[in-house]
């Protein structure tokens, strides 16, 4: 039988995932709800010491905690300079995040 702590962490992970799904579903109709769902997911993550999955971290602004949906709340660009990377700009606060693109090695 799993311990109580493991059950709490599992439930927290499910709730975080559910909140991000709700944020994605409500981004067109009511963006303020989406932002609130992201804030609640961050609070659950901090309180239970459960990490937010990487797949959902791409949709979250670290500075203003808004839900970054491409074309509505964020702008996505590809920059080939230096090492190629993807630049995601939050259209609410203007914060940028950069994600490196892995390239094939030249032979």
Protein backbone atom coordinates (compact mmCIF):
# COMPACT_ATOMS: atom_id res chain seq x y z
CA UNK A 1 0.00 0.00 0.00
CA UNK A 2 1.46 3.39 -1.01
CA UNK A 3 2.24 5.88 1.69
CA UNK A 4 0.09 8.91 2.38
CA UNK A 5 2.76 11.28 1.02
CA UNK A 6 2.89 9.43 -2.29
CA UNK A 7 -0.90 9.63 -2.63
CA UNK A 8 -0.81 13.38 -1.97
CA UNK A 9 1.90 13.91 -4.61
CA UNK A 10 0.02 11.80 -7.13
CA UNK A 11 -3.20 13.73 -6.51
CA UNK A 12 -1.32 17.04 -6.78
CA UNK A 13 0.17 16.02 -10.14
CA UNK A 14 -3.30 15.09 -11.42
CA UNK A 15 -4.74 18.42 -10.28
CA UNK A 16 -1.89 20.39 -11.87
CA UNK A 17 -2.48 18.59 -15.16
CA UNK A 18 -6.22 19.17 -14.90
CA UNK A 19 -5.77 22.89 -14.19
CA UNK A 20 -3.54 23.35 -17.24
CA UNK A 21 -6.10 21.51 -19.40
CA UNK A 22 -8.80 23.87 -18.09
CA UNK A 23 -6.55 26.85 -18.83
CA UNK A 24 -6.09 25.63 -22.39
CA UNK A 25 -9.84 25.11 -22.83
CA UNK A 26 -10.73 28.61 -21.54
CA UNK A 27 -8.05 30.69 -23.27
CA UNK A 28 -10.37 31.78 -26.10
CA UNK A 29 -13.48 32.53 -24.03
CA UNK A 30 -11.99 33.95 -20.81
CA UNK A 31 -8.20 34.46 -20.62
CA UNK A 32 -8.36 35.72 -17.03
CA UNK A 33 -9.63 32.30 -15.92
CA UNK A 34 -6.68 30.70 -17.69
CA UNK A 35 -4.27 32.90 -15.75
CA UNK A 36 -5.99 32.02 -12.48
CA UNK A 37 -5.76 28.29 -13.26
CA UNK A 38 -2.01 28.64 -13.87
CA UNK A 39 -1.57 30.51 -10.58
CA UNK A 40 -3.48 27.78 -8.74
CA UNK A 41 -1.32 25.09 -10.37
CA UNK A 42 1.83 26.94 -9.25
CA UNK A 43 0.48 27.17 -5.69
CA UNK A 44 -0.27 23.43 -5.62
CA UNK A 45 3.18 22.71 -7.02
CA UNK A 46 4.90 24.79 -4.35
CA UNK A 47 2.78 23.51 -1.48
CA UNK A 48 3.20 19.81 -2.32
CA UNK A 49 6.74 20.01 -3.75
CA UNK A 50 5.64 18.50 -7.07
CA UNK A 51 7.24 19.71 -10.29
CA UNK A 52 5.11 21.07 -13.09
CA UNK A 53 5.66 18.83 -16.14
CA UNK A 54 7.97 20.20 -18.81
CA UNK A 55 5.24 19.95 -21.42
CA UNK A 56 3.16 22.48 -19.43
CA UNK A 57 6.07 24.72 -18.41
CA UNK A 58 6.34 25.91 -22.00
CA UNK A 59 2.84 27.41 -21.64
CA UNK A 60 3.54 29.39 -18.48
CA UNK A 61 5.18 32.81 -18.04
CA UNK A 62 7.53 32.80 -15.07
CA UNK A 63 7.26 36.51 -14.35
CA UNK A 64 3.53 37.27 -14.63
CA UNK A 65 2.12 33.70 -14.35
CA UNK A 66 -0.08 34.06 -17.43
CA UNK A 67 -0.99 31.16 -19.70
CA UNK A 68 1.08 31.46 -22.87
CA UNK A 69 -0.98 30.29 -25.82
CA UNK A 70 0.71 30.83 -29.19
CA UNK A 71 -0.89 33.64 -31.16
CA UNK A 72 -3.08 34.87 -28.30
CA UNK A 73 -0.79 35.46 -25.32
CA UNK A 74 2.65 34.68 -26.79
CA UNK A 75 4.75 35.24 -29.88
CA UNK A 76 7.06 32.47 -31.07
CA UNK A 77 10.06 33.12 -33.30
CA UNK A 78 12.98 31.00 -34.48
CA UNK A 79 16.40 32.65 -34.30
CA UNK A 80 19.17 31.02 -36.37
CA UNK A 81 21.96 33.25 -35.02
CA UNK A 82 24.71 31.86 -32.80
CA UNK A 83 23.22 28.60 -31.68
CA UNK A 84 19.71 28.17 -33.14
CA UNK A 85 16.96 28.69 -30.59
CA UNK A 86 13.25 29.35 -30.21
CA UNK A 87 12.25 32.67 -28.64
CA UNK A 88 8.89 32.81 -26.86
CA UNK A 89 7.73 36.31 -25.91
CA UNK A 90 4.92 36.91 -23.42
CA UNK A 91 2.56 39.52 -24.85
CA UNK A 92 1.29 40.47 -21.37
CA UNK A 93 4.56 41.46 -19.67
CA UNK A 94 7.14 41.25 -22.49
CA UNK A 95 9.34 38.59 -20.89
CA UNK A 96 11.25 36.36 -23.30
CA UNK A 97 12.22 32.72 -22.90
CA UNK A 98 14.74 30.94 -25.11
CA UNK A 99 14.81 27.22 -25.84
CA UNK A 100 17.79 25.76 -27.72
CA UNK A 101 17.21 23.71 -30.86
CA UNK A 102 19.33 20.60 -31.20
CA UNK A 103 21.04 20.42 -34.58
CA UNK A 104 22.50 17.44 -36.38
CA UNK A 105 26.26 17.20 -36.12
CA UNK A 106 28.21 17.92 -39.31
CA UNK A 107 30.42 15.09 -40.55
